[in-house]
C-alpha atoms as a PDB file:
ATOM      1  CA  UNK A   1       7.404 -35.261  48.046  1.00  0.00           C
ATOM      2  CA  UNK A   2       5.462 -33.656  50.684  1.00  0.00           C
ATOM      3  CA  UNK A   3       7.552 -30.547  50.630  1.00  0.00           C
ATOM      4  CA  UNK A   4       7.447 -30.576  46.629  1.00  0.00           C
ATOM      5  CA  UNK A   5       3.508 -30.736  46.844  1.00  0.00           C
ATOM      6  CA  UNK A   6       3.455 -28.170  49.463  1.00  0.00           C
ATOM      7  CA  UNK A   7       5.451 -26.054  47.355  1.00  0.00           C
ATOM      8  CA  UNK A   8       3.278 -26.409  44.304  1.00  0.00           C
ATOM      9  CA  UNK A   9      -0.279 -25.795  46.271  1.00  0.00           C
ATOM     10  CA  UNK A  10       1.795 -22.825  47.817  1.00  0.00           C
ATOM     11  CA  UNK A  11       2.407 -21.335  44.582  1.00  0.00           C
ATOM     12  CA  UNK A  12      -1.077 -21.837  43.054  1.00  0.00           C
ATOM     13  CA  UNK A  13      -2.390 -20.255  46.331  1.00  0.00           C
ATOM     14  CA  UNK A  14       0.140 -17.523  46.004  1.00  0.00           C
ATOM     15  CA  UNK A  15      -0.973 -16.940  42.257  1.00  0.00           C
ATOM     16  CA  UNK A  16      -4.427 -16.311  43.246  1.00  0.00           C
ATOM     17  CA  UNK A  17      -2.977 -13.478  45.888  1.00  0.00           C
ATOM     18  CA  UNK A  18      -0.657 -12.529  43.177  1.00  0.00           C
ATOM     19  CA  UNK A  19      -3.238 -11.485  40.365  1.00  0.00           C
ATOM     20  CA  UNK A  20      -5.362  -9.318  42.488  1.00  0.00           C
ATOM     21  CA  UNK A  21      -2.306  -7.554  44.331  1.00  0.00           C
ATOM     22  CA  UNK A  22      -1.279  -6.670  40.941  1.00  0.00           C
ATOM     23  CA  UNK A  23      -4.778  -5.224  40.118  1.00  0.00           C
ATOM     24  CA  UNK A  24      -4.548  -3.581  43.428  1.00  0.00           C
ATOM     25  CA  UNK A  25      -0.931  -1.824  42.787  1.00  0.00           C
ATOM     26  CA  UNK A  26      -1.584  -0.993  39.064  1.00  0.00           C
ATOM     27  CA  UNK A  27      -4.765   0.951  39.661  1.00  0.00           C
ATOM     28  CA  UNK A  28      -3.037   2.554  42.786  1.00  0.00           C
ATOM     29  CA  UNK A  29      -0.201   3.759  40.913  1.00  0.00           C
ATOM     30  CA  UNK A  30      -2.452   5.580  38.066  1.00  0.00           C
ATOM     31  CA  UNK A  31      -5.164   6.619  40.669  1.00  0.00           C
ATOM     32  CA  UNK A  32      -3.835   6.856  44.100  1.00  0.00           C
ATOM     33  CA  UNK A  33      -6.953   4.987  45.039  1.00  0.00           C
ATOM     34  CA  UNK A  34      -6.988   1.341  46.638  1.00  0.00           C
ATOM     35  CA  UNK A  35      -9.292  -0.745  44.895  1.00  0.00           C
ATOM     36  CA  UNK A  36     -11.123  -2.681  47.739  1.00  0.00           C
ATOM     37  CA  UNK A  37     -13.793  -4.172  44.913  1.00  0.00           C
ATOM     38  CA  UNK A  38     -11.292  -5.974  42.769  1.00  0.00           C
ATOM     39  CA  UNK A  39     -12.410  -9.244  44.319  1.00  0.00           C
ATOM     40  CA  UNK A  40     -15.780  -8.565  43.793  1.00  0.00           C
ATOM     41  CA  UNK A  41     -15.339  -8.392  39.939  1.00  0.00           C
ATOM     42  CA  UNK A  42     -13.914 -11.877  40.401  1.00  0.00           C
ATOM     43  CA  UNK A  43     -16.752 -13.172  42.025  1.00  0.00           C
ATOM     44  CA  UNK A  44     -19.267 -11.524  39.329  1.00  0.00           C
ATOM     45  CA  UNK A  45     -17.046 -13.377  36.803  1.00  0.00           C
ATOM     46  CA  UNK A  46     -17.117 -16.839  38.096  1.00  0.00           C
ATOM     47  CA  UNK A  47     -20.993 -16.432  39.208  1.00  0.00           C
ATOM     48  CA  UNK A  48     -22.173 -14.774  35.685  1.00  0.00           C
ATOM     49  CA  UNK A  49     -20.736 -17.539  33.454  1.00  0.00           C
ATOM     50  CA  UNK A  50     -22.027 -20.265  36.208  1.00  0.00           C
ATOM     51  CA  UNK A  51     -25.414 -18.677  35.664  1.00  0.00           C
ATOM     52  CA  UNK A  52     -25.656 -18.075  31.938  1.00  0.00           C
ATOM     53  CA  UNK A  53     -23.734 -21.774  31.433  1.00  0.00           C
ATOM     54  CA  UNK A  54     -25.745 -23.920  33.995  1.00  0.00           C
ATOM     55  CA  UNK A  55     -29.040 -22.195  34.351  1.00  0.00           C
ATOM     56  CA  UNK A  56     -29.871 -20.402  30.926  1.00  0.00           C
ATOM     57  CA  UNK A  57     -27.715 -23.158  29.008  1.00  0.00           C
ATOM     58  CA  UNK A  58     -25.442 -20.434  27.069  1.00  0.00           C
ATOM     59  CA  UNK A  59     -22.693 -21.759  25.174  1.00  0.00           C
ATOM     60  CA  UNK A  60     -19.595 -21.701  27.342  1.00  0.00           C
ATOM     61  CA  UNK A  61     -17.773 -19.229  25.057  1.00  0.00           C
ATOM     62  CA  UNK A  62     -20.982 -17.108  24.944  1.00  0.00           C
ATOM     63  CA  UNK A  63     -21.431 -17.050  28.417  1.00  0.00           C
ATOM     64  CA  UNK A  64     -17.849 -16.013  29.071  1.00  0.00           C
ATOM     65  CA  UNK A  65     -18.002 -12.939  26.361  1.00  0.00           C
ATOM     66  CA  UNK A  66     -21.386 -11.677  27.795  1.00  0.00           C
ATOM     67  CA  UNK A  67     -19.993 -11.791  31.490  1.00  0.00           C
ATOM     68  CA  UNK A  68     -17.010  -9.831  30.673  1.00  0.00           C
ATOM     69  CA  UNK A  69     -18.704  -7.341  28.623  1.00  0.00           C
ATOM     70  CA  UNK A  70     -21.136  -6.798  31.308  1.00  0.00           C
ATOM     71  CA  UNK A  71     -18.196  -6.367  33.955  1.00  0.00           C
ATOM     72  CA  UNK A  72     -16.481  -3.878  31.394  1.00  0.00           C
ATOM     73  CA  UNK A  73     -19.581  -1.850  30.571  1.00  0.00           C
ATOM     74  CA  UNK A  74     -20.384  -1.548  34.615  1.00  0.00           C
ATOM     75  CA  UNK A  75     -16.715  -0.543  35.470  1.00  0.00           C
ATOM     76  CA  UNK A  76     -16.975   1.876  32.830  1.00  0.00           C
ATOM     77  CA  UNK A  77     -20.162   3.451  34.218  1.00  0.00           C
ATOM     78  CA  UNK A  78     -19.206   3.715  37.780  1.00  0.00           C
ATOM     79  CA  UNK A  79     -15.851   5.374  36.668  1.00  0.00           C
ATOM     80  CA  UNK A  80     -18.142   8.071  34.724  1.00  0.00           C
ATOM     81  CA  UNK A  81     -20.829   8.160  37.412  1.00  0.00           C
ATOM     82  CA  UNK A  82     -18.789   7.986  40.590  1.00  0.00           C
ATOM     83  CA  UNK A  83     -14.955   8.321  40.299  1.00  0.00           C
ATOM     84  CA  UNK A  84     -15.282  11.285  37.681  1.00  0.00           C
ATOM     85  CA  UNK A  85     -17.237  13.136  40.255  1.00  0.00           C
ATOM     86  CA  UNK A  86     -14.871  12.615  43.105  1.00  0.00           C
ATOM     87  CA  UNK A  87     -11.569  12.813  41.247  1.00  0.00           C
ATOM     88  CA  UNK A  88     -12.158  15.401  38.050  1.00  0.00           C
ATOM     89  CA  UNK A  89     -14.324  18.103  39.873  1.00  0.00           C
ATOM     90  CA  UNK A  90     -13.321  21.298  41.162  1.00  0.00           C
ATOM     91  CA  UNK A  91     -13.608  19.724  44.418  1.00  0.00           C
ATOM     92  CA  UNK A  92     -11.432  16.751  43.988  1.00  0.00           C
ATOM     93  CA  UNK A  93     -11.538  14.522  47.096  1.00  0.00           C
ATOM     94  CA  UNK A  94      -8.118  13.809  48.606  1.00  0.00           C
ATOM     95  CA  UNK A  95      -6.732  11.229  51.560  1.00  0.00           C
ATOM     96  CA  UNK A  96      -8.423   8.362  53.264  1.00  0.00           C
ATOM     97  CA  UNK A  97     -12.129   9.243  51.847  1.00  0.00           C
ATOM     98  CA  UNK A  98     -10.917   8.460  48.294  1.00  0.00           C
ATOM     99  CA  UNK A  99      -8.620   6.032  48.987  1.00  0.00           C
ATOM    100  CA  UNK A 100     -11.043   3.700  50.744  1.00  0.00           C
ATOM    101  CA  UNK A 101     -14.549   4.602  50.517  1.00  0.00           C
ATOM    102  CA  UNK A 102     -15.723   4.869  46.930  1.00  0.00           C
ATOM    103  CA  UNK A 103     -14.575   1.502  46.154  1.00  0.00           C
ATOM    104  CA  UNK A 104     -15.319  -0.313  49.560  1.00  0.00           C
ATOM    105  CA  UNK A 105     -19.142   1.120  48.987  1.00  0.00           C
ATOM    106  CA  UNK A 106     -18.885  -0.554  45.335  1.00  0.00           C
ATOM    107  CA  UNK A 107     -17.806  -3.653  46.721  1.00  0.00           C
ATOM    108  CA  UNK A 108     -20.830  -3.858  49.270  1.00  0.00           C
ATOM    109  CA  UNK A 109     -23.001  -2.696  46.292  1.00  0.00           C
ATOM    110  CA  UNK A 110     -21.712  -5.730  43.992  1.00  0.00           C
ATOM    111  CA  UNK A 111     -22.086  -8.160  46.915  1.00  0.00           C
ATOM    112  CA  UNK A 112     -25.678  -7.108  47.263  1.00  0.00           C
ATOM    113  CA  UNK A 113     -26.852  -7.472  43.706  1.00  0.00           C
ATOM    114  CA  UNK A 114     -24.991 -10.757  43.613  1.00  0.00           C
ATOM    115  CA  UNK A 115     -26.972 -11.871  46.639  1.00  0.00           C
ATOM    116  CA  UNK A 116     -29.861 -11.385  44.748  1.00  0.00           C
ATOM    117  CA  UNK A 117     -28.964 -12.600  41.312  1.00  0.00           C
ATOM    118  CA  UNK A 118     -27.144 -15.495  42.385  1.00  0.00           C
ATOM    119  CA  UNK A 119     -28.438 -16.644  45.832  1.00  0.00           C
ATOM    120  CA  UNK A 120     -25.916 -17.814  48.666  1.00  0.00           C
ATOM    121  CA  UNK A 121     -25.007 -21.387  47.648  1.00  0.00           C
ATOM    122  CA  UNK A 122     -21.231 -21.893  46.295  1.00  0.00           C
ATOM    123  CA  UNK A 123     -20.796 -22.080  42.473  1.00  0.00           C
ATOM    124  CA  UNK A 124     -18.137 -21.986  40.035  1.00  0.00           C
ATOM    125  CA  UNK A 125     -17.446 -21.379  36.476  1.00  0.00           C
ATOM    126  CA  UNK A 126     -17.135 -24.519  34.493  1.00  0.00           C
ATOM    127  CA  UNK A 127     -13.508 -25.742  34.188  1.00  0.00           C
ATOM    128  CA  UNK A 128     -11.378 -24.546  31.226  1.00  0.00           C
ATOM    129  CA  UNK A 129      -9.057 -27.517  31.080  1.00  0.00           C
ATOM    130  CA  UNK A 130     -11.007 -30.532  32.696  1.00  0.00           C
ATOM    131  CA  UNK A 131      -9.260 -33.784  33.275  1.00  0.00           C
ATOM    132  CA  UNK A 132      -6.771 -35.410  36.384  1.00  0.00           C
ATOM    133  CA  UNK A 133      -4.264 -33.471  38.024  1.00  0.00           C
ATOM    134  CA  UNK A 134      -1.069 -33.992  36.527  1.00  0.00           C
ATOM    135  CA  UNK A 135       1.823 -35.974  37.964  1.00  0.00           C
ATOM    136  CA  UNK A 136       5.369 -35.633  37.426  1.00  0.00           C
ATOM    137  CA  UNK A 137       9.037 -36.166  38.746  1.00  0.00           C
ATOM    138  CA  UNK A 138       7.417 -39.335  40.730  1.00  0.00           C
ATOM    139  CA  UNK A 139       5.020 -38.020  43.255  1.00  0.00           C
ATOM    140  CA  UNK A 140       4.316 -34.459  42.449  1.00  0.00           C
ATOM    141  CA  UNK A 141       0.719 -33.273  41.669  1.00  0.00           C
ATOM    142  CA  UNK A 142      -0.814 -30.116  40.285  1.00  0.00           C
ATOM    143  CA  UNK A 143      -4.417 -29.497  39.115  1.00  0.00           C
ATOM    144  CA  UNK A 144      -5.062 -28.463  35.416  1.00  0.00           C
ATOM    145  CA  UNK A 145      -6.803 -25.447  36.665  1.00  0.00           C
ATOM    146  CA  UNK A 146      -3.933 -24.604  38.937  1.00  0.00           C
ATOM    147  CA  UNK A 147      -1.684 -24.167  35.743  1.00  0.00           C
ATOM    148  CA  UNK A 148      -3.888 -21.943  34.161  1.00  0.00           C
ATOM    149  CA  UNK A 149      -4.097 -19.856  37.676  1.00  0.00           C
ATOM    150  CA  UNK A 150      -0.228 -19.713  37.419  1.00  0.00           C
ATOM    151  CA  UNK A 151      -0.215 -18.844  33.912  1.00  0.00           C
ATOM    152  CA  UNK A 152      -2.483 -16.056  34.364  1.00  0.00           C
ATOM    153  CA  UNK A 153      -0.604 -14.561  37.562  1.00  0.00           C
ATOM    154  CA  UNK A 154       2.713 -14.586  35.597  1.00  0.00           C
ATOM    155  CA  UNK A 155       1.367 -13.284  32.720  1.00  0.00           C
ATOM    156  CA  UNK A 156      -0.511 -10.502  34.035  1.00  0.00           C
ATOM    157  CA  UNK A 157       2.152  -9.345  36.601  1.00  0.00           C
ATOM    158  CA  UNK A 158       4.952  -9.221  34.117  1.00  0.00           C
ATOM    159  CA  UNK A 159       2.742  -7.587  31.282  1.00  0.00           C
ATOM    160  CA  UNK A 160       1.985  -4.514  33.667  1.00  0.00           C
ATOM    161  CA  UNK A 161       5.673  -4.523  34.833  1.00  0.00           C
ATOM    162  CA  UNK A 162       7.004  -4.376  31.571  1.00  0.00           C
ATOM    163  CA  UNK A 163       4.105  -1.954  30.450  1.00  0.00           C
ATOM    164  CA  UNK A 164       5.074   0.524  32.698  1.00  0.00           C
ATOM    165  CA  UNK A 165       8.435   0.211  32.802  1.00  0.00           C
ATOM    166  CA  UNK A 166       9.168   0.306  28.760  1.00  0.00           C
ATOM    167  CA  UNK A 167       6.277   2.146  27.120  1.00  0.00           C
ATOM    168  CA  UNK A 168       5.505   5.728  26.769  1.00  0.00           C
ATOM    169  CA  UNK A 169       1.993   5.306  27.754  1.00  0.00           C
ATOM    170  CA  UNK A 170       3.008   3.428  30.650  1.00  0.00           C
ATOM    171  CA  UNK A 171       5.297   6.397  31.896  1.00  0.00           C
ATOM    172  CA  UNK A 172       2.044   8.700  31.314  1.00  0.00           C
ATOM    173  CA  UNK A 173       0.301   6.424  33.543  1.00  0.00           C
ATOM    174  CA  UNK A 174       2.735   6.409  36.202  1.00  0.00           C
ATOM    175  CA  UNK A 175       2.871  10.351  36.024  1.00  0.00           C
ATOM    176  CA  UNK A 176      -0.626  10.395  36.478  1.00  0.00           C
ATOM    177  CA  UNK A 177      -0.597   8.569  40.045  1.00  0.00           C
ATOM    178  CA  UNK A 178       2.674  10.662  41.222  1.00  0.00           C
ATOM    179  CA  UNK A 179       1.791  14.224  40.333  1.00  0.00           C
ATOM    180  CA  UNK A 180      -2.106  14.103  39.240  1.00  0.00           C
ATOM    181  CA  UNK A 181      -1.805  18.198  38.474  1.00  0.00           C
ATOM    182  CA  UNK A 182       1.538  18.283  37.062  1.00  0.00           C
ATOM    183  CA  UNK A 183       0.285  15.170  34.554  1.00  0.00           C
ATOM    184  CA  UNK A 184      -2.569  17.485  33.130  1.00  0.00           C
ATOM    185  CA  UNK A 185      -0.211  20.478  33.133  1.00  0.00           C
ATOM    186  CA  UNK A 186       1.664  18.747  30.214  1.00  0.00           C
ATOM    187  CA  UNK A 187      -1.026  17.398  28.916  1.00  0.00           C
ATOM    188  CA  UNK A 188      -1.465  13.829  29.900  1.00  0.00           C
ATOM    189  CA  UNK A 189      -5.015  12.833  30.440  1.00  0.00           C
ATOM    190  CA  UNK A 190      -5.145  11.452  33.517  1.00  0.00           C
ATOM    191  CA  UNK A 191      -8.759  10.564  33.454  1.00  0.00           C
ATOM    192  CA  UNK A 192      -8.623   8.504  30.701  1.00  0.00           C
ATOM    193  CA  UNK A 193      -5.711   6.606  31.982  1.00  0.00           C
ATOM    194  CA  UNK A 194      -7.607   6.216  35.370  1.00  0.00           C
ATOM    195  CA  UNK A 195     -10.583   4.747  33.347  1.00  0.00           C
ATOM    196  CA  UNK A 196      -8.881   2.421  31.382  1.00  0.00           C
ATOM    197  CA  UNK A 197      -7.071   0.763  34.111  1.00  0.00           C
ATOM    198  CA  UNK A 198     -10.143   0.776  36.202  1.00  0.00           C
ATOM    199  CA  UNK A 199     -12.065  -1.001  33.419  1.00  0.00           C
ATOM    200  CA  UNK A 200      -9.024  -3.264  32.411  1.00  0.00           C
ATOM    201  CA  UNK A 201      -8.302  -4.728  35.572  1.00  0.00           C
ATOM    202  CA  UNK A 202     -11.989  -5.240  36.362  1.00  0.00           C
ATOM    203  CA  UNK A 203     -11.937  -7.555  33.197  1.00  0.00           C
ATOM    204  CA  UNK A 204      -8.798  -9.137  34.305  1.00  0.00           C
ATOM    205  CA  UNK A 205     -10.110  -9.727  37.967  1.00  0.00           C
ATOM    206  CA  UNK A 206     -13.183 -11.277  36.013  1.00  0.00           C
ATOM    207  CA  UNK A 207     -10.956 -13.640  33.889  1.00  0.00           C
ATOM    208  CA  UNK A 208      -9.251 -14.768  36.794  1.00  0.00           C
ATOM    209  CA  UNK A 209     -12.545 -15.648  38.843  1.00  0.00           C
ATOM    210  CA  UNK A 210     -13.693 -17.479  35.630  1.00  0.00           C
ATOM    211  CA  UNK A 211     -10.458 -19.456  35.420  1.00  0.00           C
ATOM    212  CA  UNK A 212      -9.614 -20.169  39.411  1.00  0.00           C
ATOM    213  CA  UNK A 213     -13.299 -20.758  40.643  1.00  0.00           C
ATOM    214  CA  UNK A 214     -13.471 -24.116  40.017  1.00  0.00           C
ATOM    215  CA  UNK A 215     -10.659 -24.905  42.405  1.00  0.00           C
ATOM    216  CA  UNK A 216     -12.300 -22.614  45.292  1.00  0.00           C
ATOM    217  CA  UNK A 217     -15.700 -22.233  44.483  1.00  0.00           C
ATOM    218  CA  UNK A 218     -17.367 -18.801  44.820  1.00  0.00           C
ATOM    219  CA  UNK A 219     -20.343 -17.223  46.807  1.00  0.00           C
ATOM    220  CA  UNK A 220     -21.303 -13.678  47.010  1.00  0.00           C
ATOM    221  CA  UNK A 221     -19.339 -13.005  49.749  1.00  0.00           C
ATOM    222  CA  UNK A 222     -15.950 -14.365  48.243  1.00  0.00           C
ATOM    223  CA  UNK A 223     -15.010 -11.017  46.513  1.00  0.00           C
ATOM    224  CA  UNK A 224     -14.301  -9.307  49.919  1.00  0.00           C
ATOM    225  CA  UNK A 225     -11.938 -12.065  51.187  1.00  0.00           C
ATOM    226  CA  UNK A 226     -10.277 -11.954  48.101  1.00  0.00           C
ATOM    227  CA  UNK A 227      -9.763  -8.446  47.857  1.00  0.00           C
ATOM    228  CA  UNK A 228      -8.093  -8.446  51.217  1.00  0.00           C
ATOM    229  CA  UNK A 229      -5.447 -10.811  50.455  1.00  0.00           C
ATOM    230  CA  UNK A 230      -4.859  -8.716  46.978  1.00  0.00           C
ATOM    231  CA  UNK A 231      -4.597  -5.612  49.469  1.00  0.00           C
ATOM    232  CA  UNK A 232      -2.160  -7.513  51.827  1.00  0.00           C
ATOM    233  CA  UNK A 233       0.254  -8.755  48.822  1.00  0.00           C
ATOM    234  CA  UNK A 234       0.189  -5.435  47.164  1.00  0.00           C
ATOM    235  CA  UNK A 235       1.181  -3.583  50.473  1.00  0.00           C
ATOM    236  CA  UNK A 236       4.390  -5.765  50.315  1.00  0.00           C
ATOM    237  CA  UNK A 237       4.623  -4.195  46.553  1.00  0.00           C
ATOM    238  CA  UNK A 238       4.497  -0.923  47.949  1.00  0.00           C
ATOM    239  CA  UNK A 239       1.096  -0.222  46.717  1.00  0.00           C
ATOM    240  CA  UNK A 240       2.781   0.713  43.251  1.00  0.00           C
ATOM    241  CA  UNK A 241       4.773  -1.983  42.046  1.00  0.00           C
ATOM    242  CA  UNK A 242       2.905  -4.700  40.307  1.00  0.00           C
ATOM    243  CA  UNK A 243       6.160  -6.985  39.869  1.00  0.00           C
ATOM    244  CA  UNK A 244       6.895  -6.769  43.441  1.00  0.00           C
ATOM    245  CA  UNK A 245       3.284  -7.234  44.373  1.00  0.00           C
ATOM    246  CA  UNK A 246       3.627 -10.595  41.966  1.00  0.00           C
ATOM    247  CA  UNK A 247       6.168 -11.803  43.927  1.00  0.00           C
ATOM    248  CA  UNK A 248       4.844 -10.944  47.265  1.00  0.00           C
ATOM    249  CA  UNK A 249       1.563 -12.442  46.405  1.00  0.00           C
ATOM    250  CA  UNK A 250       3.445 -15.962  45.519  1.00  0.00           C
ATOM    251  CA  UNK A 251       5.460 -15.786  48.725  1.00  0.00           C
ATOM    252  CA  UNK A 252       2.848 -15.295  50.829  1.00  0.00           C
ATOM    253  CA  UNK A 253       0.799 -18.135  49.238  1.00  0.00           C
ATOM    254  CA  UNK A 254       4.162 -20.135  49.833  1.00  0.00           C
ATOM    255  CA  UNK A 255       4.469 -19.453  53.150  1.00  0.00           C
ATOM    256  CA  UNK A 256       1.037 -20.358  54.057  1.00  0.00           C
ATOM    257  CA  UNK A 257       1.386 -23.620  52.466  1.00  0.00           C
ATOM    258  CA  UNK A 258       4.345 -24.400  54.513  1.00  0.00           C
ATOM    259  CA  UNK A 259       3.288 -23.513  57.769  1.00  0.00           C
ATOM    260  CA  UNK A 260      -0.207 -25.517  57.169  1.00  0.00           C
ATOM    261  CA  UNK A 261       1.882 -28.547  56.098  1.00  0.00           C
ATOM    262  CA  UNK A 262       4.509 -28.529  58.759  1.00  0.00           C
ATOM    263  CA  UNK A 263       3.089 -26.274  61.664  1.00  0.00           C
ATOM    264  CA  UNK A 264      -0.665 -26.383  61.950  1.00  0.00           C
ATOM    265  CA  UNK A 265      -3.498 -26.080  59.400  1.00  0.00           C
ATOM    266  CA  UNK A 266      -5.727 -24.692  61.824  1.00  0.00           C
ATOM    267  CA  UNK A 267      -3.351 -21.715  63.096  1.00  0.00           C
ATOM    268  CA  UNK A 268      -1.342 -21.500  59.463  1.00  0.00           C
ATOM    269  CA  UNK A 269      -3.162 -17.842  58.735  1.00  0.00           C
ATOM    270  CA  UNK A 270      -2.784 -16.621  62.083  1.00  0.00           C
ATOM    271  CA  UNK A 271       1.073 -17.588  62.301  1.00  0.00           C
ATOM    272  CA  UNK A 272       1.816 -16.184  58.460  1.00  0.00           C
ATOM    273  CA  UNK A 273       0.094 -12.943  59.752  1.00  0.00           C
ATOM    274  CA  UNK A 274       2.098 -12.786  62.682  1.00  0.00           C
ATOM    275  CA  UNK A 275       5.368 -13.398  60.629  1.00  0.00           C
ATOM    276  CA  UNK A 276       4.515 -10.831  58.008  1.00  0.00           C
ATOM    277  CA  UNK A 277       3.778  -8.244  60.604  1.00  0.00           C
ATOM    278  CA  UNK A 278       7.038  -9.039  62.334  1.00  0.00           C
ATOM    279  CA  UNK A 279       8.540  -8.376  58.929  1.00  0.00           C
ATOM    280  CA  UNK A 280       7.041  -5.250  58.529  1.00  0.00           C
ATOM    281  CA  UNK A 281       8.255  -4.149  61.863  1.00  0.00           C
ATOM    282  CA  UNK A 282      11.631  -5.131  61.647  1.00  0.00           C
ATOM    283  CA  UNK A 283      12.382  -4.430  57.713  1.00  0.00           C
ATOM    284  CA  UNK A 284       9.698  -1.636  56.601  1.00  0.00           C
ATOM    285  CA  UNK A 285      11.527  -0.190  53.668  1.00  0.00           C
ATOM    286  CA  UNK A 286      12.995  -3.959  52.676  1.00  0.00           C
ATOM    287  CA  UNK A 287       9.246  -5.147  52.435  1.00  0.00           C
ATOM    288  CA  UNK A 288       8.008  -2.268  50.645  1.00  0.00           C
ATOM    289  CA  UNK A 289       6.594  -0.087  53.154  1.00  0.00           C
ATOM    290  CA  UNK A 290       8.667   2.857  52.403  1.00  0.00           C
ATOM    291  CA  UNK A 291       5.990   5.376  52.943  1.00  0.00           C
ATOM    292  CA  UNK A 292       5.433   4.644  56.261  1.00  0.00           C
ATOM    293  CA  UNK A 293       9.087   5.371  57.147  1.00  0.00           C
ATOM    294  CA  UNK A 294       9.134   8.589  55.316  1.00  0.00           C
ATOM    295  CA  UNK A 295       9.445   7.712  51.569  1.00  0.00           C
END
């Protein structure tokens, strides 16, 4: 049963990676910007709900709705004030500056505000499905929150993959990222799609932070770590394929759990990143790094 429980733990951990990888991949697909602040929106969701529920004694549904509304409003305002100037003006920024800087700076800003508002202690939103871990097949265990995490990952990944592949607006969104100027010429409002996806992925990340935080707990610094894991998994999806990013996130989580269970918990992360780096060097195209080898 050890293998089965490690596999379950890996799938749950991988689901965490997968959701943020999907958020990174979807927004990069429409804007060619890597969202390095996606984990910070999850942190705000978790700590915001915890504060309103535990400190201000709000009813849980009201705390969740208010927190999500604040996240959506802030993401919308950031797009209007910062990203609109960076991408929609006559001097549109390209390359490494737009790819990293604007959301990297946003991550630092959110972390600083969260430290002031919520302090440095570990907190978590209240569990949405409380109770003992579920046991099945004579010895396999899974936390109830873990089931919600896995469900959130599968739903979000499949939803975005199907949306891009089978809907007209999904095709328009895809065109916005592939050729910004060409999309504008044929009448696609690239600014609108960028704004919708940025706000949507921010809210999705906040929802996931609320669902997942009872498992791990969050501090004001948790967002940066989460963003890095999402970035890594999204890289194995080529940064533009949410379905592949979902699978990559799950695979990374399973690999991490098996290495920790059978090799060493102390060196599991080191071994995992060494294996991932080796795979990229050996098979860059197969692992999703087409751009590294000329497309």
